[in-house]
Amino acid sequence: MTYLIDAWLDRPQPYLRILHRDSGQVCVQLEAQALADLQEQGDLDLASLTSNEPQSLKELLRTLFLYGYAQALRP
Protein backbone atom coordinates (compact mmCIF):
# COMPACT_ATOMS: atom_id res chain seq x y z
CA MET A 1 0.00 0.00 0.00
CA THR A 2 1.14 3.49 -0.78
CA TYR A 3 0.18 6.61 1.14
CA LEU A 4 0.52 10.35 0.69
CA ILE A 5 1.14 12.78 3.53
CA ASP A 6 -0.86 15.98 3.08
CA ALA A 7 0.39 18.44 5.70
CA TRP A 8 -0.55 22.10 6.06
CA LEU A 9 1.47 23.13 9.08
CA ASP A 10 2.01 26.86 8.49
CA ARG A 11 -1.67 27.78 8.69
CA PRO A 12 -3.57 29.25 11.66
CA GLN A 13 -5.29 25.84 12.00
CA PRO A 14 -2.64 23.30 10.93
CA TYR A 15 -3.52 19.74 10.01
CA LEU A 16 -1.92 16.60 8.68
CA ARG A 17 -3.70 13.92 6.70
CA ILE A 18 -2.59 10.53 5.45
CA LEU A 19 -4.27 9.63 2.18
CA HIS A 20 -4.44 6.27 0.42
CA ARG A 21 -2.64 7.00 -2.84
CA ASP A 22 -4.90 4.97 -5.16
CA SER A 23 -8.32 5.92 -3.77
CA GLY A 24 -7.61 9.32 -2.22
CA GLN A 25 -9.41 8.17 0.92
CA VAL A 26 -8.36 9.93 4.14
CA CYS A 27 -6.94 7.27 6.46
CA VAL A 28 -5.84 9.55 9.32
CA GLN A 29 -6.44 13.24 9.99
CA LEU A 30 -4.70 15.07 12.81
CA GLU A 31 -5.59 18.62 13.81
CA ALA A 32 -3.55 21.28 15.62
CA GLN A 33 -3.87 19.88 19.16
CA ALA A 34 -2.96 16.34 18.14
CA LEU A 35 0.08 17.62 16.22
CA ALA A 36 1.17 19.66 19.25
CA ASP A 37 0.76 16.60 21.52
CA LEU A 38 2.86 14.46 19.18
CA GLN A 39 5.60 17.10 19.05
CA GLU A 40 5.65 17.44 22.85
CA GLN A 41 5.95 13.66 23.22
CA GLY A 42 8.82 13.62 20.73
CA ASP A 43 6.91 11.38 18.32
CA LEU A 44 6.70 13.97 15.54
CA ASP A 45 9.65 15.88 14.19
CA LEU A 46 8.43 18.25 11.51
CA ALA A 47 11.76 18.01 9.69
CA SER A 48 11.15 14.28 9.21
CA LEU A 49 8.21 15.12 6.92
CA THR A 50 10.69 16.31 4.29
CA SER A 51 12.87 13.22 4.50
CA ASN A 52 13.51 11.10 1.41
CA GLU A 53 14.64 8.13 3.47
CA PRO A 54 12.04 5.33 3.08
CA GLN A 55 12.64 3.79 6.51
CA SER A 56 12.24 7.14 8.26
CA LEU A 57 8.99 7.87 6.43
CA LYS A 58 7.69 4.36 7.09
CA GLU A 59 8.30 4.80 10.83
CA LEU A 60 6.65 8.23 10.76
CA LEU A 61 3.57 6.81 9.03
CA ARG A 62 3.41 3.98 11.55
CA THR A 63 3.50 6.46 14.45
CA LEU A 64 0.84 8.69 12.89
CA PHE A 65 -1.45 5.73 12.14
CA LEU A 66 -1.14 4.41 15.69
CA TYR A 67 -1.79 7.82 17.21
CA GLY A 68 -4.75 8.47 14.92
CA TYR A 69 -6.36 5.12 15.70
CA ALA A 70 -5.73 5.53 19.44
CA GLN A 71 -7.47 8.93 19.30
CA ALA A 72 -10.44 7.39 17.46
CA LEU A 73 -10.88 4.80 20.22
CA ARG A 74 -11.10 7.39 22.98
CA PRO A 75 -14.62 8.22 24.15
PDB file of N, CA and C in Angstrom:
ATOM      1  N   MET A   1       0.838  -1.175   0.000  1.00  0.00           N
ATOM      2  CA  MET A   1       0.000   0.000   0.000  1.00  0.00           C
ATOM      3  C   MET A   1       0.885   1.241   0.000  1.00  0.00           C
ATOM      4  N   THR A   2       0.408   2.244  -0.699  1.00  0.00           N
ATOM      5  CA  THR A   2       1.142   3.489  -0.785  1.00  0.00           C
ATOM      6  C   THR A   2       0.275   4.620  -0.244  1.00  0.00           C
ATOM      7  N   TYR A   3       0.891   5.505   0.509  1.00  0.00           N
ATOM      8  CA  TYR A   3       0.177   6.608   1.136  1.00  0.00           C
ATOM      9  C   TYR A   3       0.828   7.930   0.783  1.00  0.00           C
ATOM     10  N   LEU A   4       0.041   8.990   0.873  1.00  0.00           N
ATOM     11  CA  LEU A   4       0.516  10.352   0.695  1.00  0.00           C
ATOM     12  C   LEU A   4       0.323  11.099   2.003  1.00  0.00           C
ATOM     13  N   ILE A   5       1.280  11.931   2.355  1.00  0.00           N
ATOM     14  CA  ILE A   5       1.144  12.783   3.528  1.00  0.00           C
ATOM     15  C   ILE A   5       0.785  14.172   3.032  1.00  0.00           C
ATOM     16  N   ASP A   6      -0.378  14.654   3.422  1.00  0.00           N
ATOM     17  CA  ASP A   6      -0.857  15.985   3.083  1.00  0.00           C
ATOM     18  C   ASP A   6      -0.807  16.809   4.358  1.00  0.00           C
ATOM     19  N   ALA A   7       0.196  17.678   4.471  1.00  0.00           N
ATOM     20  CA  ALA A   7       0.388  18.444   5.700  1.00  0.00           C
ATOM     21  C   ALA A   7       0.365  19.938   5.406  1.00  0.00           C
ATOM     22  N   TRP A   8      -0.496  20.649   6.115  1.00  0.00           N
ATOM     23  CA  TRP A   8      -0.546  22.102   6.062  1.00  0.00           C
ATOM     24  C   TRP A   8      -0.240  22.580   7.472  1.00  0.00           C
ATOM     25  N   LEU A   9       1.031  22.841   7.725  1.00  0.00           N
ATOM     26  CA  LEU A   9       1.468  23.134   9.083  1.00  0.00           C
ATOM     27  C   LEU A   9       1.693  24.620   9.349  1.00  0.00           C
ATOM     28  N   ASP A  10       1.747  25.428   8.307  1.00  0.00           N
ATOM     29  CA  ASP A  10       2.007  26.858   8.488  1.00  0.00           C
ATOM     30  C   ASP A  10       0.736  27.696   8.384  1.00  0.00           C
ATOM     31  N   ARG A  11      -0.382  27.101   8.702  1.00  0.00           N
ATOM     32  CA  ARG A  11      -1.673  27.776   8.692  1.00  0.00           C
ATOM     33  C   ARG A  11      -2.086  28.094  10.120  1.00  0.00           C
ATOM     34  N   PRO A  12      -3.063  28.987  10.305  1.00  0.00           N
ATOM     35  CA  PRO A  12      -3.571  29.251  11.664  1.00  0.00           C
ATOM     36  C   PRO A  12      -4.147  27.983  12.312  1.00  0.00           C
ATOM     37  N   GLN A  13      -4.761  27.123  11.514  1.00  0.00           N
ATOM     38  CA  GLN A  13      -5.290  25.843  12.000  1.00  0.00           C
ATOM     39  C   GLN A  13      -4.583  24.718  11.244  1.00  0.00           C
ATOM     40  N   PRO A  14      -3.392  24.326  11.673  1.00  0.00           N
ATOM     41  CA  PRO A  14      -2.640  23.300  10.932  1.00  0.00           C
ATOM     42  C   PRO A  14      -3.313  21.927  11.006  1.00  0.00           C
ATOM     43  N   TYR A  15      -3.042  21.125   9.988  1.00  0.00           N
ATOM     44  CA  TYR A  15      -3.517  19.744  10.012  1.00  0.00           C
ATOM     45  C   TYR A  15      -2.581  18.876   9.190  1.00  0.00           C
ATOM     46  N   LEU A  16      -2.692  17.598   9.423  1.00  0.00           N
ATOM     47  CA  LEU A  16      -1.921  16.605   8.684  1.00  0.00           C
ATOM     48  C   LEU A  16      -2.863  15.456   8.369  1.00  0.00           C
ATOM     49  N   ARG A  17      -2.863  15.045   7.106  1.00  0.00           N
ATOM     50  CA  ARG A  17      -3.701  13.917   6.699  1.00  0.00           C
ATOM     51  C   ARG A  17      -2.824  12.878   6.023  1.00  0.00           C
ATOM     52  N   ILE A  18      -3.200  11.634   6.192  1.00  0.00           N
ATOM     53  CA  ILE A  18      -2.587  10.532   5.455  1.00  0.00           C
ATOM     54  C   ILE A  18      -3.656  10.017   4.508  1.00  0.00           C
ATOM     55  N   LEU A  19      -3.328  10.042   3.213  1.00  0.00           N
ATOM     56  CA  LEU A  19      -4.273   9.629   2.179  1.00  0.00           C
ATOM     57  C   LEU A  19      -3.805   8.340   1.521  1.00  0.00           C
ATOM     58  N   HIS A  20      -4.754   7.465   1.212  1.00  0.00           N
ATOM     59  CA  HIS A  20      -4.440   6.273   0.420  1.00  0.00           C
ATOM     60  C   HIS A  20      -4.195   6.751  -1.001  1.00  0.00           C
ATOM     61  N   ARG A  21      -3.042   6.436  -1.541  1.00  0.00           N
ATOM     62  CA  ARG A  21      -2.639   6.995  -2.838  1.00  0.00           C
ATOM     63  C   ARG A  21      -3.598   6.634  -3.981  1.00  0.00           C
ATOM     64  N   ASP A  22      -4.060   5.411  -4.037  1.00  0.00           N
ATOM     65  CA  ASP A  22      -4.897   4.973  -5.155  1.00  0.00           C
ATOM     66  C   ASP A  22      -6.322   5.521  -5.085  1.00  0.00           C
ATOM     67  N   SER A  23      -6.921   5.511  -3.897  1.00  0.00           N
ATOM     68  CA  SER A  23      -8.321   5.917  -3.770  1.00  0.00           C
ATOM     69  C   SER A  23      -8.502   7.365  -3.336  1.00  0.00           C
ATOM     70  N   GLY A  24      -7.479   7.962  -2.731  1.00  0.00           N
ATOM     71  CA  GLY A  24      -7.609   9.320  -2.217  1.00  0.00           C
ATOM     72  C   GLY A  24      -8.338   9.387  -0.887  1.00  0.00           C
ATOM     73  N   GLN A  25      -8.689   8.235  -0.345  1.00  0.00           N
ATOM     74  CA  GLN A  25      -9.407   8.166   0.923  1.00  0.00           C
ATOM     75  C   GLN A  25      -8.518   8.654   2.064  1.00  0.00           C
ATOM     76  N   VAL A  26      -9.092   9.453   2.969  1.00  0.00           N
ATOM     77  CA  VAL A  26      -8.358   9.931   4.140  1.00  0.00           C
ATOM     78  C   VAL A  26      -8.312   8.790   5.160  1.00  0.00           C
ATOM     79  N   CYS A  27      -7.115   8.353   5.491  1.00  0.00           N
ATOM     80  CA  CYS A  27      -6.936   7.270   6.462  1.00  0.00           C
ATOM     81  C   CYS A  27      -6.799   7.817   7.879  1.00  0.00           C
ATOM     82  N   VAL A  28      -6.064   8.913   8.023  1.00  0.00           N
ATOM     83  CA  VAL A  28      -5.843   9.552   9.320  1.00  0.00           C
ATOM     84  C   VAL A  28      -5.845  11.053   9.111  1.00  0.00           C
ATOM     85  N   GLN A  29      -6.504  11.779  10.021  1.00  0.00           N
ATOM     86  CA  GLN A  29      -6.438  13.238   9.990  1.00  0.00           C
ATOM     87  C   GLN A  29      -6.146  13.730  11.396  1.00  0.00           C
ATOM     88  N   LEU A  30      -5.098  14.528  11.517  1.00  0.00           N
ATOM     89  CA  LEU A  30      -4.695  15.073  12.806  1.00  0.00           C
ATOM     90  C   LEU A  30      -4.786  16.590  12.746  1.00  0.00           C
ATOM     91  N   GLU A  31      -5.424  17.167  13.739  1.00  0.00           N
ATOM     92  CA  GLU A  31      -5.590  18.615  13.807  1.00  0.00           C
ATOM     93  C   GLU A  31      -4.501  19.224  14.693  1.00  0.00           C
ATOM     94  N   ALA A  32      -4.588  20.514  14.926  1.00  0.00           N
ATOM     95  CA  ALA A  32      -3.552  21.279  15.619  1.00  0.00           C
ATOM     96  C   ALA A  32      -3.182  20.693  16.981  1.00  0.00           C
ATOM     97  N   GLN A  33      -4.167  20.364  17.805  1.00  0.00           N
ATOM     98  CA  GLN A  33      -3.869  19.877  19.162  1.00  0.00           C
ATOM     99  C   GLN A  33      -3.167  18.523  19.123  1.00  0.00           C
ATOM    100  N   ALA A  34      -3.599  17.652  18.257  1.00  0.00           N
ATOM    101  CA  ALA A  34      -2.961  16.340  18.143  1.00  0.00           C
ATOM    102  C   ALA A  34      -1.520  16.482  17.662  1.00  0.00           C
ATOM    103  N   LEU A  35      -1.282  17.389  16.715  1.00  0.00           N
ATOM    104  CA  LEU A  35       0.079  17.619  16.225  1.00  0.00           C
ATOM    105  C   LEU A  35       0.962  18.179  17.333  1.00  0.00           C
ATOM    106  N   ALA A  36       0.414  19.101  18.124  1.00  0.00           N
ATOM    107  CA  ALA A  36       1.173  19.663  19.247  1.00  0.00           C
ATOM    108  C   ALA A  36       1.497  18.580  20.275  1.00  0.00           C
ATOM    109  N   ASP A  37       0.529  17.705  20.569  1.00  0.00           N
ATOM    110  CA  ASP A  37       0.761  16.602  21.516  1.00  0.00           C
ATOM    111  C   ASP A  37       1.875  15.678  21.022  1.00  0.00           C
ATOM    112  N   LEU A  38       1.837  15.333  19.750  1.00  0.00           N
ATOM    113  CA  LEU A  38       2.864  14.456  19.185  1.00  0.00           C
ATOM    114  C   LEU A  38       4.247  15.107  19.235  1.00  0.00           C
ATOM    115  N   GLN A  39       4.319  16.407  18.978  1.00  0.00           N
ATOM    116  CA  GLN A  39       5.598  17.099  19.047  1.00  0.00           C
ATOM    117  C   GLN A  39       6.117  17.133  20.476  1.00  0.00           C
ATOM    118  N   GLU A  40       5.246  17.403  21.440  1.00  0.00           N
ATOM    119  CA  GLU A  40       5.646  17.440  22.848  1.00  0.00           C
ATOM    120  C   GLU A  40       6.157  16.083  23.318  1.00  0.00           C
ATOM    121  N   GLN A  41       5.546  15.015  22.832  1.00  0.00           N
ATOM    122  CA  GLN A  41       5.955  13.660  23.218  1.00  0.00           C
ATOM    123  C   GLN A  41       7.234  13.232  22.514  1.00  0.00           C
ATOM    124  N   GLY A  42       7.635  13.978  21.488  1.00  0.00           N
ATOM    125  CA  GLY A  42       8.823  13.624  20.726  1.00  0.00           C
ATOM    126  C   GLY A  42       8.552  12.612  19.631  1.00  0.00           C
ATOM    127  N   ASP A  43       7.276  12.359  19.342  1.00  0.00           N
ATOM    128  CA  ASP A  43       6.911  11.379  18.318  1.00  0.00           C
ATOM    129  C   ASP A  43       6.793  11.983  16.926  1.00  0.00           C
ATOM    130  N   LEU A  44       6.813  13.311  16.841  1.00  0.00           N
ATOM    131  CA  LEU A  44       6.702  13.974  15.544  1.00  0.00           C
ATOM    132  C   LEU A  44       7.759  15.059  15.449  1.00  0.00           C
ATOM    133  N   ASP A  45       8.655  14.877  14.521  1.00  0.00           N
ATOM    134  CA  ASP A  45       9.654  15.880  14.192  1.00  0.00           C
ATOM    135  C   ASP A  45       9.266  16.417  12.819  1.00  0.00           C
ATOM    136  N   LEU A  46       8.925  17.693  12.762  1.00  0.00           N
ATOM    137  CA  LEU A  46       8.425  18.253  11.511  1.00  0.00           C
ATOM    138  C   LEU A  46       9.445  18.151  10.389  1.00  0.00           C
ATOM    139  N   ALA A  47      10.718  18.151  10.715  1.00  0.00           N
ATOM    140  CA  ALA A  47      11.758  18.009   9.695  1.00  0.00           C
ATOM    141  C   ALA A  47      11.701  16.626   9.044  1.00  0.00           C
ATOM    142  N   SER A  48      11.216  15.632   9.771  1.00  0.00           N
ATOM    143  CA  SER A  48      11.153  14.280   9.214  1.00  0.00           C
ATOM    144  C   SER A  48      10.124  14.173   8.085  1.00  0.00           C
ATOM    145  N   LEU A  49       9.202  15.132   8.001  1.00  0.00           N
ATOM    146  CA  LEU A  49       8.212  15.119   6.920  1.00  0.00           C
ATOM    147  C   LEU A  49       8.850  15.392   5.562  1.00  0.00           C
ATOM    148  N   THR A  50      10.012  16.000   5.547  1.00  0.00           N
ATOM    149  CA  THR A  50      10.691  16.313   4.288  1.00  0.00           C
ATOM    150  C   THR A  50      11.762  15.285   3.941  1.00  0.00           C
ATOM    151  N   SER A  51      11.863  14.248   4.725  1.00  0.00           N
ATOM    152  CA  SER A  51      12.872  13.216   4.502  1.00  0.00           C
ATOM    153  C   SER A  51      12.586  12.426   3.223  1.00  0.00           C
ATOM    154  N   ASN A  52      13.638  11.987   2.581  1.00  0.00           N
ATOM    155  CA  ASN A  52      13.511  11.105   1.412  1.00  0.00           C
ATOM    156  C   ASN A  52      13.900   9.675   1.761  1.00  0.00           C
ATOM    157  N   GLU A  53      14.217   9.445   3.023  1.00  0.00           N
ATOM    158  CA  GLU A  53      14.640   8.126   3.470  1.00  0.00           C
ATOM    159  C   GLU A  53      13.411   7.246   3.731  1.00  0.00           C
ATOM    160  N   PRO A  54      13.241   6.165   2.962  1.00  0.00           N
ATOM    161  CA  PRO A  54      12.039   5.329   3.085  1.00  0.00           C
ATOM    162  C   PRO A  54      11.796   4.795   4.500  1.00  0.00           C
ATOM    163  N   GLN A  55      12.826   4.359   5.175  1.00  0.00           N
ATOM    164  CA  GLN A  55      12.643   3.786   6.512  1.00  0.00           C
ATOM    165  C   GLN A  55      12.148   4.845   7.504  1.00  0.00           C
ATOM    166  N   SER A  56      12.664   6.040   7.382  1.00  0.00           N
ATOM    167  CA  SER A  56      12.242   7.137   8.257  1.00  0.00           C
ATOM    168  C   SER A  56      10.774   7.485   8.017  1.00  0.00           C
ATOM    169  N   LEU A  57      10.386   7.560   6.758  1.00  0.00           N
ATOM    170  CA  LEU A  57       8.992   7.867   6.431  1.00  0.00           C
ATOM    171  C   LEU A  57       8.051   6.732   6.845  1.00  0.00           C
ATOM    172  N   LYS A  58       8.508   5.516   6.691  1.00  0.00           N
ATOM    173  CA  LYS A  58       7.692   4.363   7.089  1.00  0.00           C
ATOM    174  C   LYS A  58       7.433   4.393   8.599  1.00  0.00           C
ATOM    175  N   GLU A  59       8.453   4.720   9.376  1.00  0.00           N
ATOM    176  CA  GLU A  59       8.305   4.802  10.833  1.00  0.00           C
ATOM    177  C   GLU A  59       7.386   5.971  11.214  1.00  0.00           C
ATOM    178  N   LEU A  60       7.513   7.086  10.506  1.00  0.00           N
ATOM    179  CA  LEU A  60       6.649   8.233  10.763  1.00  0.00           C
ATOM    180  C   LEU A  60       5.191   7.876  10.476  1.00  0.00           C
ATOM    181  N   LEU A  61       4.940   7.233   9.358  1.00  0.00           N
ATOM    182  CA  LEU A  61       3.573   6.808   9.029  1.00  0.00           C
ATOM    183  C   LEU A  61       3.014   5.860  10.075  1.00  0.00           C
ATOM    184  N   ARG A  62       3.838   4.935  10.517  1.00  0.00           N
ATOM    185  CA  ARG A  62       3.410   3.984  11.548  1.00  0.00           C
ATOM    186  C   ARG A  62       2.988   4.723  12.812  1.00  0.00           C
ATOM    187  N   THR A  63       3.801   5.679  13.245  1.00  0.00           N
ATOM    188  CA  THR A  63       3.501   6.457  14.446  1.00  0.00           C
ATOM    189  C   THR A  63       2.208   7.250  14.279  1.00  0.00           C
ATOM    190  N   LEU A  64       2.047   7.883  13.130  1.00  0.00           N
ATOM    191  CA  LEU A  64       0.843   8.685  12.888  1.00  0.00           C
ATOM    192  C   LEU A  64      -0.409   7.823  12.812  1.00  0.00           C
ATOM    193  N   PHE A  65      -0.314   6.651  12.178  1.00  0.00           N
ATOM    194  CA  PHE A  65      -1.454   5.730  12.139  1.00  0.00           C
ATOM    195  C   PHE A  65      -1.830   5.276  13.554  1.00  0.00           C
ATOM    196  N   LEU A  66      -0.852   4.878  14.335  1.00  0.00           N
ATOM    197  CA  LEU A  66      -1.136   4.415  15.695  1.00  0.00           C
ATOM    198  C   LEU A  66      -1.764   5.516  16.539  1.00  0.00           C
ATOM    199  N   TYR A  67      -1.235   6.710  16.447  1.00  0.00           N
ATOM    200  CA  TYR A  67      -1.788   7.820  17.212  1.00  0.00           C
ATOM    201  C   TYR A  67      -3.213   8.129  16.755  1.00  0.00           C
ATOM    202  N   GLY A  68      -3.423   8.183  15.448  1.00  0.00           N
ATOM    203  CA  GLY A  68      -4.750   8.466  14.920  1.00  0.00           C
ATOM    204  C   GLY A  68      -5.782   7.438  15.346  1.00  0.00           C
ATOM    205  N   TYR A  69      -5.421   6.168  15.295  1.00  0.00           N
ATOM    206  CA  TYR A  69      -6.359   5.122  15.697  1.00  0.00           C
ATOM    207  C   TYR A  69      -6.589   5.124  17.205  1.00  0.00           C
ATOM    208  N   ALA A  70      -5.559   5.441  17.983  1.00  0.00           N
ATOM    209  CA  ALA A  70      -5.731   5.526  19.437  1.00  0.00           C
ATOM    210  C   ALA A  70      -6.677   6.669  19.773  1.00  0.00           C
ATOM    211  N   GLN A  71      -6.570   7.795  19.074  1.00  0.00           N
ATOM    212  CA  GLN A  71      -7.474   8.927  19.304  1.00  0.00           C
ATOM    213  C   GLN A  71      -8.912   8.549  18.942  1.00  0.00           C
ATOM    214  N   ALA A  72      -9.082   7.787  17.877  1.00  0.00           N
ATOM    215  CA  ALA A  72     -10.437   7.388  17.456  1.00  0.00           C
ATOM    216  C   ALA A  72     -11.095   6.463  18.469  1.00  0.00           C
ATOM    217  N   LEU A  73     -10.329   5.730  19.236  1.00  0.00           N
ATOM    218  CA  LEU A  73     -10.881   4.804  20.221  1.00  0.00           C
ATOM    219  C   LEU A  73     -11.262   5.480  21.539  1.00  0.00           C
ATOM    220  N   ARG A  74     -10.772   6.683  21.737  1.00  0.00           N
ATOM    221  CA  ARG A  74     -11.095   7.394  22.976  1.00  0.00           C
ATOM    222  C   ARG A  74     -12.536   7.865  22.939  1.00  0.00           C
ATOM    223  N   PRO A  75     -13.215   7.786  24.103  1.00  0.00           N
ATOM    224  CA  PRO A  75     -14.618   8.221  24.149  1.00  0.00           C
ATOM    225  C   PRO A  75     -14.773   9.733  24.052  1.00  0.00           C
TER     226      PRO A  75
END
